[in-house]
C-alpha atoms as a PDB file:
ATOM      1  CA  UNK A   1       0.000   0.000   0.000  1.00  0.00           C
ATOM      2  CA  UNK A   2       1.144   3.541  -0.760  1.00  0.00           C
ATOM      3  CA  UNK A   3       1.994   5.639   2.323  1.00  0.00           C
ATOM      4  CA  UNK A   4       0.192   8.670   0.900  1.00  0.00           C
ATOM      5  CA  UNK A   5      -2.915   9.232  -1.233  1.00  0.00           C
ATOM      6  CA  UNK A   6      -2.880   8.023  -4.809  1.00  0.00           C
ATOM      7  CA  UNK A   7      -4.998  10.959  -5.974  1.00  0.00           C
ATOM      8  CA  UNK A   8      -5.275  14.294  -4.219  1.00  0.00           C
ATOM      9  CA  UNK A   9      -7.027  17.580  -5.000  1.00  0.00           C
ATOM     10  CA  UNK A  10      -5.794  20.514  -2.931  1.00  0.00           C
ATOM     11  CA  UNK A  11      -8.160  23.523  -2.844  1.00  0.00           C
ATOM     12  CA  UNK A  12      -8.851  23.141  -6.576  1.00  0.00           C
ATOM     13  CA  UNK A  13     -10.997  25.595  -8.495  1.00  0.00           C
ATOM     14  CA  UNK A  14     -11.829  25.840 -12.188  1.00  0.00           C
ATOM     15  CA  UNK A  15     -13.128  28.884 -14.028  1.00  0.00           C
ATOM     16  CA  UNK A  16     -14.229  29.130 -17.663  1.00  0.00           C
ATOM     17  CA  UNK A  17     -14.625  32.295 -19.699  1.00  0.00           C
ATOM     18  CA  UNK A  18     -18.059  32.794 -21.264  1.00  0.00           C
ATOM     19  CA  UNK A  19     -17.374  34.907 -24.366  1.00  0.00           C
ATOM     20  CA  UNK A  20     -21.071  35.346 -25.211  1.00  0.00           C
ATOM     21  CA  UNK A  21     -21.885  36.969 -21.883  1.00  0.00           C
ATOM     22  CA  UNK A  22     -18.452  38.419 -21.236  1.00  0.00           C
ATOM     23  CA  UNK A  23     -18.380  36.710 -17.855  1.00  0.00           C
ATOM     24  CA  UNK A  24     -16.512  33.978 -16.027  1.00  0.00           C
ATOM     25  CA  UNK A  25     -18.255  30.754 -14.995  1.00  0.00           C
ATOM     26  CA  UNK A  26     -16.925  29.124 -11.833  1.00  0.00           C
ATOM     27  CA  UNK A  27     -17.397  25.385 -12.418  1.00  0.00           C
ATOM     28  CA  UNK A  28     -15.569  24.030  -9.364  1.00  0.00           C
ATOM     29  CA  UNK A  29     -14.544  25.903  -6.234  1.00  0.00           C
ATOM     30  CA  UNK A  30     -12.235  24.978  -3.381  1.00  0.00           C
ATOM     31  CA  UNK A  31     -12.356  21.199  -3.768  1.00  0.00           C
ATOM     32  CA  UNK A  32     -10.057  19.264  -1.461  1.00  0.00           C
ATOM     33  CA  UNK A  33     -10.124  15.477  -1.395  1.00  0.00           C
ATOM     34  CA  UNK A  34      -7.725  12.556  -1.114  1.00  0.00           C
ATOM     35  CA  UNK A  35      -8.157   8.973  -2.306  1.00  0.00           C
ATOM     36  CA  UNK A  36      -6.008   6.258  -0.789  1.00  0.00           C
ATOM     37  CA  UNK A  37      -4.261   3.392  -2.530  1.00  0.00           C
ATOM     38  CA  UNK A  38      -6.799   0.742  -3.503  1.00  0.00           C
ATOM     39  CA  UNK A  39      -9.799   2.878  -2.545  1.00  0.00           C
ATOM     40  CA  UNK A  40     -12.879   3.299  -4.741  1.00  0.00           C
ATOM     41  CA  UNK A  41     -14.701   6.608  -4.357  1.00  0.00           C
ATOM     42  CA  UNK A  42     -17.903   7.642  -6.124  1.00  0.00           C
ATOM     43  CA  UNK A  43     -18.724  11.231  -6.955  1.00  0.00           C
ATOM     44  CA  UNK A  44     -22.377  12.262  -7.198  1.00  0.00           C
ATOM     45  CA  UNK A  45     -24.110  15.598  -7.565  1.00  0.00           C
ATOM     46  CA  UNK A  46     -26.530  17.629  -9.683  1.00  0.00           C
ATOM     47  CA  UNK A  47     -25.987  17.813 -13.441  1.00  0.00           C
ATOM     48  CA  UNK A  48     -23.546  20.568 -14.336  1.00  0.00           C
ATOM     49  CA  UNK A  49     -21.926  20.712 -10.897  1.00  0.00           C
ATOM     50  CA  UNK A  50     -18.392  20.048 -12.180  1.00  0.00           C
ATOM     51  CA  UNK A  51     -17.960  16.290 -11.671  1.00  0.00           C
ATOM     52  CA  UNK A  52     -16.515  15.684 -15.143  1.00  0.00           C
ATOM     53  CA  UNK A  53     -14.441  18.839 -14.834  1.00  0.00           C
ATOM     54  CA  UNK A  54     -12.808  17.364 -11.730  1.00  0.00           C
ATOM     55  CA  UNK A  55     -11.962  14.172 -13.604  1.00  0.00           C
ATOM     56  CA  UNK A  56     -10.543  16.127 -16.526  1.00  0.00           C
ATOM     57  CA  UNK A  57      -8.259  18.018 -14.151  1.00  0.00           C
ATOM     58  CA  UNK A  58      -7.286  14.786 -12.410  1.00  0.00           C
ATOM     59  CA  UNK A  59      -6.301  13.299 -15.754  1.00  0.00           C
ATOM     60  CA  UNK A  60      -4.298  16.388 -16.735  1.00  0.00           C
ATOM     61  CA  UNK A  61      -6.631  17.055 -19.682  1.00  0.00           C
ATOM     62  CA  UNK A  62      -7.741  20.412 -18.294  1.00  0.00           C
ATOM     63  CA  UNK A  63      -5.545  22.743 -16.208  1.00  0.00           C
ATOM     64  CA  UNK A  64      -6.702  23.931 -12.803  1.00  0.00           C
ATOM     65  CA  UNK A  65      -7.437  27.630 -12.375  1.00  0.00           C
ATOM     66  CA  UNK A  66      -6.111  27.489  -8.814  1.00  0.00           C
ATOM     67  CA  UNK A  67      -5.002  24.810  -6.408  1.00  0.00           C
ATOM     68  CA  UNK A  68      -3.138  21.603  -7.215  1.00  0.00           C
ATOM     69  CA  UNK A  69      -3.814  18.009  -8.264  1.00  0.00           C
ATOM     70  CA  UNK A  70      -1.346  15.265  -7.322  1.00  0.00           C
ATOM     71  CA  UNK A  71      -1.110  11.638  -8.443  1.00  0.00           C
ATOM     72  CA  UNK A  72       1.353   9.518  -6.475  1.00  0.00           C
ATOM     73  CA  UNK A  73       2.621  12.782  -4.907  1.00  0.00           C
ATOM     74  CA  UNK A  74       3.498  14.187  -8.362  1.00  0.00           C
ATOM     75  CA  UNK A  75       1.941  17.460  -9.496  1.00  0.00           C
ATOM     76  CA  UNK A  76      -0.423  16.918 -12.435  1.00  0.00           C
ATOM     77  CA  UNK A  77       0.158  19.457 -15.199  1.00  0.00           C
ATOM     78  CA  UNK A  78      -0.531  17.312 -18.273  1.00  0.00           C
ATOM     79  CA  UNK A  79      -1.736  13.797 -19.169  1.00  0.00           C
ATOM     80  CA  UNK A  80       0.448  11.108 -17.635  1.00  0.00           C
ATOM     81  CA  UNK A  81       0.703   7.334 -17.711  1.00  0.00           C
ATOM     82  CA  UNK A  82      -0.273   6.956 -14.050  1.00  0.00           C
ATOM     83  CA  UNK A  83      -3.911   7.754 -14.863  1.00  0.00           C
ATOM     84  CA  UNK A  84      -6.389   6.013 -17.175  1.00  0.00           C
ATOM     85  CA  UNK A  85      -9.780   7.420 -18.156  1.00  0.00           C
ATOM     86  CA  UNK A  86     -12.908   5.401 -18.968  1.00  0.00           C
ATOM     87  CA  UNK A  87     -15.857   7.281 -20.469  1.00  0.00           C
ATOM     88  CA  UNK A  88     -19.546   6.678 -21.148  1.00  0.00           C
ATOM     89  CA  UNK A  89     -18.761   5.554 -24.706  1.00  0.00           C
ATOM     90  CA  UNK A  90     -16.373   2.689 -25.328  1.00  0.00           C
ATOM     91  CA  UNK A  91     -14.548   4.580 -28.144  1.00  0.00           C
ATOM     92  CA  UNK A  92     -13.146   1.339 -29.571  1.00  0.00           C
ATOM     93  CA  UNK A  93     -11.511   1.799 -32.957  1.00  0.00           C
ATOM     94  CA  UNK A  94     -13.751   0.054 -35.510  1.00  0.00           C
ATOM     95  CA  UNK A  95     -10.891  -1.042 -37.769  1.00  0.00           C
ATOM     96  CA  UNK A  96      -9.043  -2.868 -35.006  1.00  0.00           C
ATOM     97  CA  UNK A  97      -9.986  -6.205 -33.481  1.00  0.00           C
ATOM     98  CA  UNK A  98     -10.907  -6.348 -29.801  1.00  0.00           C
ATOM     99  CA  UNK A  99      -7.469  -7.587 -28.757  1.00  0.00           C
ATOM    100  CA  UNK A 100      -5.804  -4.917 -30.910  1.00  0.00           C
ATOM    101  CA  UNK A 101      -7.984  -2.270 -29.249  1.00  0.00           C
ATOM    102  CA  UNK A 102      -6.926  -3.484 -25.800  1.00  0.00           C
ATOM    103  CA  UNK A 103      -3.291  -3.351 -26.924  1.00  0.00           C
ATOM    104  CA  UNK A 104      -3.552   0.251 -28.145  1.00  0.00           C
ATOM    105  CA  UNK A 105      -2.486   2.061 -24.978  1.00  0.00           C
ATOM    106  CA  UNK A 106       0.432  -0.305 -24.438  1.00  0.00           C
ATOM    107  CA  UNK A 107       1.438   0.177 -28.057  1.00  0.00           C
ATOM    108  CA  UNK A 108       1.573   3.933 -27.506  1.00  0.00           C
ATOM    109  CA  UNK A 109       3.660   3.344 -24.378  1.00  0.00           C
ATOM    110  CA  UNK A 110       6.133   1.269 -26.388  1.00  0.00           C
ATOM    111  CA  UNK A 111       5.429  -2.096 -24.756  1.00  0.00           C
ATOM    112  CA  UNK A 112       6.883  -4.954 -26.820  1.00  0.00           C
ATOM    113  CA  UNK A 113       4.439  -6.806 -29.046  1.00  0.00           C
ATOM    114  CA  UNK A 114       4.572 -10.168 -27.319  1.00  0.00           C
ATOM    115  CA  UNK A 115       4.160  -8.673 -23.851  1.00  0.00           C
ATOM    116  CA  UNK A 116       1.275  -6.393 -24.803  1.00  0.00           C
ATOM    117  CA  UNK A 117      -0.533  -9.289 -26.496  1.00  0.00           C
ATOM    118  CA  UNK A 118      -0.057 -11.468 -23.402  1.00  0.00           C
ATOM    119  CA  UNK A 119      -1.377  -8.733 -21.144  1.00  0.00           C
ATOM    120  CA  UNK A 120      -4.338  -7.991 -23.431  1.00  0.00           C
ATOM    121  CA  UNK A 121      -5.372 -11.646 -23.654  1.00  0.00           C
ATOM    122  CA  UNK A 122      -5.116 -12.054 -19.889  1.00  0.00           C
ATOM    123  CA  UNK A 123      -7.368  -9.055 -19.249  1.00  0.00           C
ATOM    124  CA  UNK A 124      -9.869 -10.110 -21.903  1.00  0.00           C
ATOM    125  CA  UNK A 125     -10.075 -13.503 -20.207  1.00  0.00           C
ATOM    126  CA  UNK A 126     -10.825 -11.812 -16.880  1.00  0.00           C
ATOM    127  CA  UNK A 127     -13.500  -9.752 -18.638  1.00  0.00           C
ATOM    128  CA  UNK A 128     -15.006 -12.938 -20.115  1.00  0.00           C
ATOM    129  CA  UNK A 129     -14.153 -12.020 -23.708  1.00  0.00           C
ATOM    130  CA  UNK A 130     -11.674 -14.763 -24.619  1.00  0.00           C
ATOM    131  CA  UNK A 131     -13.968 -16.031 -27.376  1.00  0.00           C
ATOM    132  CA  UNK A 132     -14.159 -12.614 -29.014  1.00  0.00           C
ATOM    133  CA  UNK A 133     -10.554 -11.416 -29.180  1.00  0.00           C
ATOM    134  CA  UNK A 134     -10.502 -11.461 -33.001  1.00  0.00           C
ATOM    135  CA  UNK A 135     -13.929  -9.901 -33.435  1.00  0.00           C
ATOM    136  CA  UNK A 136     -14.438  -6.271 -34.386  1.00  0.00           C
ATOM    137  CA  UNK A 137     -16.372  -3.816 -32.197  1.00  0.00           C
ATOM    138  CA  UNK A 138     -19.485  -3.848 -34.403  1.00  0.00           C
ATOM    139  CA  UNK A 139     -19.787  -7.595 -33.801  1.00  0.00           C
ATOM    140  CA  UNK A 140     -20.135  -7.169 -30.011  1.00  0.00           C
ATOM    141  CA  UNK A 141     -23.008  -6.015 -27.827  1.00  0.00           C
ATOM    142  CA  UNK A 142     -22.831  -2.747 -25.918  1.00  0.00           C
ATOM    143  CA  UNK A 143     -22.022  -4.517 -22.672  1.00  0.00           C
ATOM    144  CA  UNK A 144     -19.255  -6.566 -24.281  1.00  0.00           C
ATOM    145  CA  UNK A 145     -17.748  -3.426 -25.797  1.00  0.00           C
ATOM    146  CA  UNK A 146     -17.712  -1.769 -22.374  1.00  0.00           C
ATOM    147  CA  UNK A 147     -15.959  -4.811 -20.920  1.00  0.00           C
ATOM    148  CA  UNK A 148     -13.381  -4.497 -23.694  1.00  0.00           C
ATOM    149  CA  UNK A 149     -13.019  -0.808 -22.841  1.00  0.00           C
ATOM    150  CA  UNK A 150     -12.408  -1.747 -19.204  1.00  0.00           C
ATOM    151  CA  UNK A 151      -9.729  -4.236 -20.282  1.00  0.00           C
ATOM    152  CA  UNK A 152      -8.112  -1.532 -22.416  1.00  0.00           C
ATOM    153  CA  UNK A 153      -8.167   0.863 -19.453  1.00  0.00           C
ATOM    154  CA  UNK A 154      -6.491  -1.661 -17.152  1.00  0.00           C
ATOM    155  CA  UNK A 155      -3.966  -2.802 -19.768  1.00  0.00           C
ATOM    156  CA  UNK A 156      -1.808   0.314 -19.325  1.00  0.00           C
ATOM    157  CA  UNK A 157      -1.463  -0.573 -15.623  1.00  0.00           C
ATOM    158  CA  UNK A 158      -2.492   2.837 -14.230  1.00  0.00           C
ATOM    159  CA  UNK A 159      -2.208   3.871 -10.594  1.00  0.00           C
ATOM    160  CA  UNK A 160      -5.583   5.612 -10.796  1.00  0.00           C
ATOM    161  CA  UNK A 161      -8.721   4.917 -12.824  1.00  0.00           C
ATOM    162  CA  UNK A 162     -11.024   7.835 -13.562  1.00  0.00           C
ATOM    163  CA  UNK A 163     -14.454   6.634 -14.678  1.00  0.00           C
ATOM    164  CA  UNK A 164     -17.136   8.989 -15.982  1.00  0.00           C
ATOM    165  CA  UNK A 165     -20.489   7.147 -15.894  1.00  0.00           C
ATOM    166  CA  UNK A 166     -19.102   4.172 -17.836  1.00  0.00           C
ATOM    167  CA  UNK A 167     -22.335   2.156 -17.595  1.00  0.00           C
ATOM    168  CA  UNK A 168     -24.946   4.895 -18.015  1.00  0.00           C
ATOM    169  CA  UNK A 169     -25.853   3.968 -21.603  1.00  0.00           C
ATOM    170  CA  UNK A 170     -26.513   0.301 -20.802  1.00  0.00           C
ATOM    171  CA  UNK A 171     -29.749  -1.446 -19.892  1.00  0.00           C
ATOM    172  CA  UNK A 172     -30.327  -2.246 -16.211  1.00  0.00           C
ATOM    173  CA  UNK A 173     -29.481  -5.947 -16.447  1.00  0.00           C
ATOM    174  CA  UNK A 174     -26.249  -5.414 -18.379  1.00  0.00           C
ATOM    175  CA  UNK A 175     -25.288  -2.588 -16.032  1.00  0.00           C
ATOM    176  CA  UNK A 176     -25.546  -4.855 -12.975  1.00  0.00           C
ATOM    177  CA  UNK A 177     -23.417  -7.528 -14.656  1.00  0.00           C
ATOM    178  CA  UNK A 178     -20.714  -4.972 -15.467  1.00  0.00           C
ATOM    179  CA  UNK A 179     -20.866  -3.508 -11.966  1.00  0.00           C
ATOM    180  CA  UNK A 180     -20.111  -6.986 -10.687  1.00  0.00           C
ATOM    181  CA  UNK A 181     -17.222  -7.351 -13.153  1.00  0.00           C
ATOM    182  CA  UNK A 182     -15.832  -3.960 -12.176  1.00  0.00           C
ATOM    183  CA  UNK A 183     -16.118  -4.571  -8.434  1.00  0.00           C
ATOM    184  CA  UNK A 184     -14.270  -7.862  -8.648  1.00  0.00           C
ATOM    185  CA  UNK A 185     -11.656  -6.500 -11.051  1.00  0.00           C
ATOM    186  CA  UNK A 186     -10.879  -3.490  -8.856  1.00  0.00           C
ATOM    187  CA  UNK A 187     -10.589  -5.741  -5.816  1.00  0.00           C
ATOM    188  CA  UNK A 188      -8.363  -8.253  -7.641  1.00  0.00           C
ATOM    189  CA  UNK A 189      -6.039  -5.594  -9.059  1.00  0.00           C
ATOM    190  CA  UNK A 190      -6.071  -3.267  -6.035  1.00  0.00           C
ATOM    191  CA  UNK A 191      -6.597  -0.267  -8.295  1.00  0.00           C
ATOM    192  CA  UNK A 192      -7.608   3.160  -7.043  1.00  0.00           C
ATOM    193  CA  UNK A 193     -10.691   4.632  -8.714  1.00  0.00           C
ATOM    194  CA  UNK A 194     -12.745   7.823  -8.791  1.00  0.00           C
ATOM    195  CA  UNK A 195     -16.141   7.005 -10.268  1.00  0.00           C
ATOM    196  CA  UNK A 196     -18.845   9.430 -11.429  1.00  0.00           C
ATOM    197  CA  UNK A 197     -22.403   8.139 -11.385  1.00  0.00           C
ATOM    198  CA  UNK A 198     -25.986   9.374 -11.179  1.00  0.00           C
ATOM    199  CA  UNK A 199     -27.128   5.922 -10.042  1.00  0.00           C
ATOM    200  CA  UNK A 200     -27.245   6.050  -6.236  1.00  0.00           C
ATOM    201  CA  UNK A 201     -27.471   2.278  -5.793  1.00  0.00           C
ATOM    202  CA  UNK A 202     -24.483   1.879  -8.101  1.00  0.00           C
ATOM    203  CA  UNK A 203     -22.535   4.332  -5.944  1.00  0.00           C
ATOM    204  CA  UNK A 204     -23.318   2.338  -2.795  1.00  0.00           C
ATOM    205  CA  UNK A 205     -22.619  -1.010  -4.470  1.00  0.00           C
ATOM    206  CA  UNK A 206     -19.169  -0.069  -5.768  1.00  0.00           C
ATOM    207  CA  UNK A 207     -17.677   2.398  -3.309  1.00  0.00           C
ATOM    208  CA  UNK A 208     -15.691   2.680  -0.117  1.00  0.00           C
ATOM    209  CA  UNK A 209     -16.795   6.309   0.120  1.00  0.00           C
ATOM    210  CA  UNK A 210     -19.272   8.567  -1.664  1.00  0.00           C
ATOM    211  CA  UNK A 211     -18.612  12.287  -2.123  1.00  0.00           C
ATOM    212  CA  UNK A 212     -21.594  14.559  -2.728  1.00  0.00           C
ATOM    213  CA  UNK A 213     -21.161  17.787  -4.686  1.00  0.00           C
ATOM    214  CA  UNK A 214     -23.201  20.959  -4.526  1.00  0.00           C
ATOM    215  CA  UNK A 215     -24.785  22.891  -7.352  1.00  0.00           C
ATOM    216  CA  UNK A 216     -22.352  24.935  -9.439  1.00  0.00           C
ATOM    217  CA  UNK A 217     -19.879  26.088  -8.381  1.00  0.00           C
ATOM    218  CA  UNK A 218     -19.231  22.514  -7.357  1.00  0.00           C
ATOM    219  CA  UNK A 219     -17.962  21.898  -3.844  1.00  0.00           C
ATOM    220  CA  UNK A 220     -17.807  18.765  -1.723  1.00  0.00           C
ATOM    221  CA  UNK A 221     -20.671  19.105   0.753  1.00  0.00           C
ATOM    222  CA  UNK A 222     -20.786  15.608   2.247  1.00  0.00           C
ATOM    223  CA  UNK A 223     -18.582  12.526   2.562  1.00  0.00           C
ATOM    224  CA  UNK A 224     -20.271   9.211   3.315  1.00  0.00           C
ATOM    225  CA  UNK A 225     -18.368   6.048   4.209  1.00  0.00           C
ATOM    226  CA  UNK A 226     -19.997   2.850   2.968  1.00  0.00           C
ATOM    227  CA  UNK A 227     -19.263   0.350   5.719  1.00  0.00           C
ATOM    228  CA  UNK A 228     -21.350  -2.672   4.750  1.00  0.00           C
ATOM    229  CA  UNK A 229     -18.508  -4.901   3.500  1.00  0.00           C
ATOM    230  CA  UNK A 230     -18.375  -7.004   0.311  1.00  0.00           C
ATOM    231  CA  UNK A 231     -17.056  -4.190  -1.878  1.00  0.00           C
ATOM    232  CA  UNK A 232     -15.677  -6.870  -4.202  1.00  0.00           C
ATOM    233  CA  UNK A 233     -19.207  -8.228  -4.704  1.00  0.00           C
ATOM    234  CA  UNK A 234     -21.589  -5.424  -5.760  1.00  0.00           C
ATOM    235  CA  UNK A 235     -24.430  -7.869  -6.408  1.00  0.00           C
ATOM    236  CA  UNK A 236     -24.289  -9.063  -2.799  1.00  0.00           C
ATOM    237  CA  UNK A 237     -23.997  -5.487  -1.564  1.00  0.00           C
ATOM    238  CA  UNK A 238     -27.195  -4.565  -3.389  1.00  0.00           C
ATOM    239  CA  UNK A 239     -29.057  -7.052  -1.194  1.00  0.00           C
ATOM    240  CA  UNK A 240     -27.789  -5.586   2.084  1.00  0.00           C
ATOM    241  CA  UNK A 241     -30.640  -4.185   4.216  1.00  0.00           C
ATOM    242  CA  UNK A 242     -28.792  -0.885   4.792  1.00  0.00           C
ATOM    243  CA  UNK A 243     -28.520   0.010   1.096  1.00  0.00           C
ATOM    244  CA  UNK A 244     -31.894   1.739   1.254  1.00  0.00           C
ATOM    245  CA  UNK A 245     -30.719   3.904   4.161  1.00  0.00           C
ATOM    246  CA  UNK A 246     -27.719   5.119   2.153  1.00  0.00           C
ATOM    247  CA  UNK A 247     -29.870   5.859  -0.896  1.00  0.00           C
ATOM    248  CA  UNK A 248     -32.405   7.819   1.171  1.00  0.00           C
ATOM    249  CA  UNK A 249     -29.610   9.874   2.737  1.00  0.00           C
ATOM    250  CA  UNK A 250     -28.020  10.606  -0.644  1.00  0.00           C
ATOM    251  CA  UNK A 251     -31.364  11.484  -2.200  1.00  0.00           C
ATOM    252  CA  UNK A 252     -32.069  13.874   0.642  1.00  0.00           C
ATOM    253  CA  UNK A 253     -28.778  15.689   0.095  1.00  0.00           C
ATOM    254  CA  UNK A 254     -29.435  15.992  -3.641  1.00  0.00           C
ATOM    255  CA  UNK A 255     -32.963  17.264  -3.052  1.00  0.00           C
ATOM    256  CA  UNK A 256     -31.630  19.942  -0.698  1.00  0.00           C
ATOM    257  CA  UNK A 257     -29.232  21.093  -3.408  1.00  0.00           C
ATOM    258  CA  UNK A 258     -31.991  21.104  -6.012  1.00  0.00           C
ATOM    259  CA  UNK A 259     -34.254  23.129  -3.739  1.00  0.00           C
ATOM    260  CA  UNK A 260     -31.469  25.621  -3.046  1.00  0.00           C
ATOM    261  CA  UNK A 261     -31.007  26.203  -6.782  1.00  0.00           C
ATOM    262  CA  UNK A 262     -34.711  26.759  -7.514  1.00  0.00           C
END
């Protein structure tokens, strides 16, 4: 285990210029949070509160306006190989086979062909896609493509996974299957993850902690520790009698924020 946090935001704010109105929009303000090695943290909040902006800054895709972001105690100023990003869309390249898609990040990193193929096949096996390694993306279902995207994300061996609603476009049944895959994979690999979701049960099922953001400008207004065990088994967690209590508490916080904005 790392002695310090894997991912840390220190009093981070983000402002965007609005050329049409000649004004500045404050998207995120004064966010401070730390995520430990191997911890999974979900981020919830109203639409437009800056959740994705936080992930973009964590990945080095968007510079902070003030404050600092650190990954493994290193200041984040640009994209780096310690962080991998998984989005709502799988973004698999249609002209590459599934195994070639999973190899892509390693290829960019300069990993030797034999090693990157071995790693890709191993991850595809864990994602239950061994029978589809030579298929193309259009030949797979949406859920299978997202599993391939997860394998591609893990293949570059990041310290931190940033995940922006990766299952939001899937049907309920497929989503639960992939939540189970993700929970077990994160537990097996010991990866650190920051996970955006609007699904409150998903947040409880997958997380060690849940951070609640306010309306824009986004701030962390509540931190909830999920202490019901079985984080490696989201399906079992869903059946825990206290899940409803967590969801009610989270819903109440979100309703307060919605009322404050109206």
